[in-house]
Amino acid sequence: MSNPFTAQVGAVLSADIAVPDHEREMQFYSRVLRTGPNPPWREDLLNNLGLPIIGLGSADGENARLPLQWMPHIQVADVAESVRRAVELGGRDLMHAKGEDGSSQRAVLADPNGAAFGVIPVIPEDHLPPVAVVPANVGGVGRIAWLSLTVPDAEAIRDFYTQVVGWTWQEVQVADEAGPYADYTMRAADGTPAAGVARARGRDAGLPPVWLIYLPVGDLDESLRRVDEEGGKVIRRLARDGGARDFAVVQDPVGVYLALTQAETK
């Protein structure tokens, strides 16, 4: 992906989190994400072209009310309508920023299982960073490589996000020892895959019902070694497509879940 920014309904623009002990968390992420010869991330956690993809804030002020989860920010057609639908469908309004005229600017919501996410208006094309050309010496543009959410009732959560953020969905057939079942790929307005909603069974059994952001690293083995070294925990390592998409679910020092994946090489 040469341009991680896309202006359309359902596209994920970025993700952030507010944490206690900000200095320790900053050290954890800067060490864990910056591996390999061309790290996808800078020391300040901007991507390797200097673009804001993930943000690490302090859990103070109004941020103290936010859950300890990485929260993806999803572009929607109408923030106020997304908030209304989320609450109507059993979700919660955690934070709702409005302009002086009362218009909704952005919001942080929680789905019925407690997974937190942000909704923002579709970004105008002329407000997007010009990153169409990636320098040849840059290994892989730091970005959110994927999002996944594992829940007991995948159909209900699939329908929640369809109505709240405007995603469409497609079944993904999988199976475990109990037989076949369906997970779901959620798609943005142009049909681009934006996220996965998985059933809490098979290989996904035991994962928490929060949004996992998949962050690419230059050397997954070294990153996982640093997770342990910096006070985090490796929960599970998995290989898909014959090892071509190796990734691991980890916890940071304050218990926040995320996934690390091996960055694509050019």
Protein backbone atom coordinates (compact mmCIF):
# COMPACT_ATOMS: atom_id res chain seq x y z
CA MET A 1 0.00 0.00 0.00
CA SER A 2 1.73 3.18 -1.16
CA ASN A 3 -0.95 5.52 0.20
CA PRO A 4 -2.53 4.59 3.54
CA PHE A 5 -4.96 7.53 3.30
CA THR A 6 -8.24 7.05 1.42
CA ALA A 7 -11.21 9.43 1.49
CA GLN A 8 -14.39 7.35 1.53
CA VAL A 9 -17.08 5.98 3.82
CA GLY A 10 -15.82 2.99 5.78
CA ALA A 11 -12.11 3.66 5.24
CA VAL A 12 -9.92 3.48 8.35
CA LEU A 13 -7.77 6.59 8.58
CA SER A 14 -5.79 6.02 11.78
CA ALA A 15 -5.90 4.65 15.33
CA ASP A 16 -4.95 5.95 18.74
CA ILE A 17 -4.97 5.14 22.44
CA ALA A 18 -4.70 7.03 25.74
CA VAL A 19 -2.50 5.25 28.29
CA PRO A 20 -1.20 5.63 31.83
CA ASP A 21 2.58 5.77 32.27
CA HIS A 22 2.92 7.37 28.86
CA GLU A 23 6.73 7.45 28.90
CA ARG A 24 7.00 3.69 29.49
CA GLU A 25 4.42 2.93 26.82
CA MET A 26 6.20 5.19 24.34
CA GLN A 27 9.42 3.29 24.94
CA PHE A 28 7.65 -0.04 24.48
CA TYR A 29 6.10 0.88 21.14
CA SER A 30 9.13 2.70 19.76
CA ARG A 31 11.35 -0.31 20.47
CA VAL A 32 8.89 -3.02 19.42
CA LEU A 33 7.81 -1.36 16.17
CA ARG A 34 11.26 -0.21 15.07
CA THR A 35 12.95 -3.41 13.90
CA GLY A 36 14.54 -4.44 10.63
CA PRO A 37 16.80 -2.47 8.28
CA ASN A 38 14.10 0.06 7.25
CA PRO A 39 11.67 0.35 10.21
CA PRO A 40 8.10 1.15 9.11
CA TRP A 41 7.83 3.56 12.07
CA ARG A 42 9.84 6.47 13.43
CA GLU A 43 10.78 6.92 17.09
CA ASP A 44 7.84 9.32 17.53
CA LEU A 45 5.49 6.62 16.09
CA LEU A 46 4.75 8.54 12.93
CA ASN A 47 5.20 6.30 9.90
CA ASN A 48 8.50 6.23 8.05
CA LEU A 49 7.42 9.04 5.73
CA GLY A 50 6.48 11.19 8.74
CA LEU A 51 2.72 10.68 8.41
CA PRO A 52 0.30 10.33 11.38
CA ILE A 53 -1.15 6.82 11.34
CA ILE A 54 -1.11 5.84 15.05
CA GLY A 55 -1.15 8.08 18.09
CA LEU A 56 -0.21 7.43 21.72
CA GLY A 57 -1.71 9.89 24.19
CA SER A 58 -1.82 10.25 27.97
CA ALA A 59 -4.84 8.99 29.93
CA ASP A 60 -5.58 12.32 31.59
CA GLY A 61 -8.36 14.89 31.38
CA GLU A 62 -11.28 13.68 29.30
CA ASN A 63 -9.09 10.88 27.93
CA ALA A 64 -9.18 9.22 31.36
CA ARG A 65 -12.72 8.05 30.54
CA LEU A 66 -11.62 6.13 27.47
CA PRO A 67 -11.02 2.36 27.63
CA LEU A 68 -7.52 0.92 27.36
CA GLN A 69 -7.87 -0.21 23.77
CA TRP A 70 -6.42 0.78 20.43
CA MET A 71 -9.28 2.62 18.73
CA PRO A 72 -9.48 2.73 14.92
CA HIS A 73 -10.91 5.91 13.40
CA ILE A 74 -13.41 5.13 10.66
CA GLN A 75 -14.76 7.66 8.16
CA VAL A 76 -18.57 7.88 8.06
CA ALA A 77 -21.12 9.83 6.05
CA ASP A 78 -22.72 11.51 9.09
CA VAL A 79 -21.14 11.43 12.56
CA ALA A 80 -24.35 12.38 14.40
CA GLU A 81 -26.31 9.66 12.63
CA SER A 82 -23.62 7.08 13.39
CA VAL A 83 -23.77 8.01 17.09
CA ARG A 84 -27.56 7.77 17.09
CA ARG A 85 -27.56 4.37 15.43
CA ALA A 86 -24.82 3.00 17.68
CA VAL A 87 -26.75 3.89 20.85
CA GLU A 88 -30.01 2.62 19.36
CA LEU A 89 -28.34 -0.74 18.60
CA GLY A 90 -26.95 -1.22 22.12
CA GLY A 91 -23.64 0.61 21.84
CA ARG A 92 -22.40 3.55 23.91
CA ASP A 93 -21.34 7.13 23.20
CA LEU A 94 -18.01 7.53 25.05
CA MET A 95 -16.98 10.94 23.73
CA HIS A 96 -18.72 13.28 21.30
CA ALA A 97 -17.01 16.43 20.03
CA LYS A 98 -19.26 19.12 18.59
CA GLY A 99 -18.67 22.50 16.99
CA GLU A 100 -19.98 25.83 18.29
CA ASP A 101 -23.06 25.37 16.12
CA GLY A 102 -23.78 21.98 17.71
CA SER A 103 -22.73 19.96 14.69
CA SER A 104 -20.98 16.66 15.33
CA GLN A 105 -17.29 16.68 14.47
CA ARG A 106 -16.12 13.29 15.75
CA ALA A 107 -17.05 10.70 18.34
CA VAL A 108 -15.68 7.71 20.20
CA LEU A 109 -18.17 4.85 20.48
CA ALA A 110 -18.30 1.36 21.95
CA ASP A 111 -20.14 -1.50 20.31
CA PRO A 112 -22.44 -3.81 22.35
CA ASN A 113 -19.44 -5.98 23.34
CA GLY A 114 -17.38 -3.00 24.49
CA ALA A 115 -15.00 -2.65 21.53
CA ALA A 116 -14.14 1.05 21.17
CA PHE A 117 -13.77 2.89 17.87
CA GLY A 118 -13.88 6.41 16.54
CA VAL A 119 -16.08 7.88 13.81
CA ILE A 120 -15.00 10.94 11.83
CA PRO A 121 -16.37 12.67 8.71
CA VAL A 122 -15.02 11.63 5.33
CA ILE A 123 -11.79 13.57 4.82
CA PRO A 124 -11.85 15.91 1.79
CA GLU A 125 -9.44 14.75 -0.91
CA ASP A 126 -7.50 18.01 -0.80
CA HIS A 127 -6.88 17.53 2.95
CA LEU A 128 -5.13 14.18 2.51
CA PRO A 129 -1.31 14.06 2.66
CA PRO A 130 0.33 13.78 -0.79
CA VAL A 131 2.03 10.38 -0.50
CA ALA A 132 1.41 8.93 -3.93
CA VAL A 133 5.13 8.46 -4.53
CA VAL A 134 7.13 6.35 -2.07
CA PRO A 135 10.92 6.82 -2.15
CA ALA A 136 12.78 3.75 -3.37
CA ASN A 137 14.85 3.53 -0.19
CA VAL A 138 11.79 3.23 2.07
CA GLY A 139 11.09 -0.42 2.89
CA GLY A 140 7.38 -0.36 3.68
CA VAL A 141 5.13 2.54 4.51
CA GLY A 142 4.08 2.33 8.16
CA ARG A 143 0.35 1.76 8.24
CA ILE A 144 -2.41 -0.25 9.87
CA ALA A 145 -2.09 -3.45 7.86
CA TRP A 146 -5.43 -4.91 9.02
CA LEU A 147 -8.13 -4.75 11.69
CA SER A 148 -9.95 -7.67 13.25
CA LEU A 149 -12.61 -8.10 15.91
CA THR A 150 -13.41 -11.47 17.52
CA VAL A 151 -16.82 -11.87 19.17
CA PRO A 152 -19.24 -14.64 20.20
CA ASP A 153 -22.07 -13.36 17.96
CA ALA A 154 -20.40 -12.39 14.71
CA GLU A 155 -23.65 -11.81 12.81
CA ALA A 156 -24.96 -9.27 15.32
CA ILE A 157 -21.71 -7.31 15.36
CA ARG A 158 -21.45 -7.53 11.57
CA ASP A 159 -24.88 -5.92 11.32
CA PHE A 160 -24.02 -3.29 13.97
CA TYR A 161 -21.06 -1.99 11.98
CA THR A 162 -22.96 -2.21 8.71
CA GLN A 163 -25.53 0.20 10.09
CA VAL A 164 -23.22 2.42 12.15
CA VAL A 165 -20.25 2.99 9.81
CA GLY A 166 -21.64 1.98 6.42
CA TRP A 167 -19.57 -1.14 5.78
CA THR A 168 -20.79 -3.94 3.55
CA TRP A 169 -19.78 -7.53 4.23
CA GLN A 170 -18.76 -10.77 2.60
CA GLU A 171 -18.68 -14.24 4.13
CA VAL A 172 -15.36 -16.01 4.61
CA GLN A 173 -15.78 -19.77 4.97
CA VAL A 174 -13.63 -21.36 7.68
CA ALA A 175 -13.79 -24.53 9.74
CA ASP A 176 -12.64 -26.05 13.01
CA GLU A 177 -13.00 -29.48 14.61
CA ALA A 178 -16.73 -28.82 15.15
CA GLY A 179 -17.34 -28.13 11.47
CA PRO A 180 -17.57 -25.23 8.98
CA TYR A 181 -18.72 -21.72 9.83
CA ALA A 182 -18.51 -18.18 8.44
CA ASP A 183 -16.45 -15.17 9.45
CA TYR A 184 -16.86 -11.82 7.68
CA THR A 185 -14.77 -9.37 5.69
CA MET A 186 -16.11 -5.85 6.12
CA ARG A 187 -15.71 -3.57 3.10
CA ALA A 188 -15.51 0.19 2.59
CA ALA A 189 -17.69 2.08 0.12
CA ASP A 190 -15.60 1.10 -2.93
CA GLY A 191 -15.48 -2.57 -1.91
CA THR A 192 -11.96 -2.43 -0.48
CA PRO A 193 -11.53 -4.79 2.51
CA ALA A 194 -11.41 -2.67 5.67
CA ALA A 195 -11.63 -5.14 8.57
CA GLY A 196 -12.52 -8.64 9.67
CA VAL A 197 -15.22 -9.77 12.09
CA ALA A 198 -14.50 -13.26 13.39
CA ARG A 199 -16.39 -15.76 15.48
CA ALA A 200 -14.77 -16.65 18.82
CA ARG A 201 -14.02 -20.25 17.91
CA GLY A 202 -11.34 -22.26 16.15
CA ARG A 203 -8.06 -20.36 15.78
CA ASP A 204 -9.73 -17.21 17.14
CA ALA A 205 -11.06 -18.74 20.37
CA GLY A 206 -9.91 -16.89 23.46
CA LEU A 207 -9.14 -13.57 21.77
CA PRO A 208 -10.63 -10.50 23.50
CA PRO A 209 -13.65 -8.72 21.92
CA VAL A 210 -11.66 -5.56 21.11
CA TRP A 211 -10.39 -4.20 17.82
CA LEU A 212 -6.95 -5.62 17.09
CA ILE A 213 -4.88 -3.31 14.94
CA TYR A 214 -2.22 -5.16 12.92
CA LEU A 215 0.98 -3.12 12.78
CA PRO A 216 3.78 -4.17 10.40
CA VAL A 217 7.33 -4.50 11.69
CA GLY A 218 10.59 -5.03 9.85
CA ASP A 219 11.64 -8.14 11.80
CA LEU A 220 8.82 -9.97 13.58
CA ASP A 221 11.12 -12.31 15.52
CA GLU A 222 13.10 -9.39 16.92
CA SER A 223 9.94 -7.41 17.68
CA LEU A 224 8.50 -10.31 19.69
CA ARG A 225 11.78 -10.62 21.60
CA ARG A 226 11.49 -6.92 22.46
CA VAL A 227 7.86 -7.36 23.56
CA ASP A 228 9.07 -9.66 26.34
CA GLU A 229 12.10 -7.50 27.08
CA GLU A 230 9.98 -4.35 27.48
CA GLY A 231 7.42 -5.90 29.85
CA GLY A 232 4.77 -7.00 27.36
CA LYS A 233 3.49 -10.48 26.61
CA VAL A 234 3.21 -12.59 23.45
CA ILE A 235 -0.27 -14.16 23.55
CA ARG A 236 -0.30 -16.16 20.34
CA ARG A 237 1.71 -16.44 17.14
CA LEU A 238 0.06 -17.65 13.95
CA ALA A 239 1.11 -18.23 10.37
CA ARG A 240 -1.27 -17.97 7.44
CA ASP A 241 -0.77 -18.61 3.73
CA GLY A 242 2.09 -21.00 4.41
CA GLY A 243 3.93 -18.47 6.57
CA ALA A 244 3.63 -15.62 4.07
CA ARG A 245 1.49 -13.66 6.55
CA ASP A 246 3.11 -14.42 9.88
CA PHE A 247 1.64 -12.43 12.77
CA ALA A 248 1.31 -12.46 16.55
CA VAL A 249 -1.19 -11.16 19.08
CA VAL A 250 0.58 -9.39 21.95
CA GLN A 251 -0.16 -7.30 25.03
CA ASP A 252 1.72 -4.14 25.91
CA PRO A 253 2.89 -3.43 29.50
CA VAL A 254 -0.53 -2.06 30.59
CA GLY A 255 -2.41 -5.01 29.08
CA VAL A 256 -3.55 -3.52 25.76
CA TYR A 257 -3.95 -6.01 22.91
CA LEU A 258 -2.63 -5.53 19.39
CA ALA A 259 -1.21 -7.65 16.58
CA LEU A 260 2.24 -7.42 14.99
CA THR A 261 2.77 -8.65 11.46
CA GLN A 262 5.81 -9.08 9.27
CA ALA A 263 6.05 -6.09 6.90
CA GLU A 264 5.94 -6.76 3.18
CA THR A 265 9.30 -6.54 1.46
CA LYS A 266 9.85 -4.86 -1.87
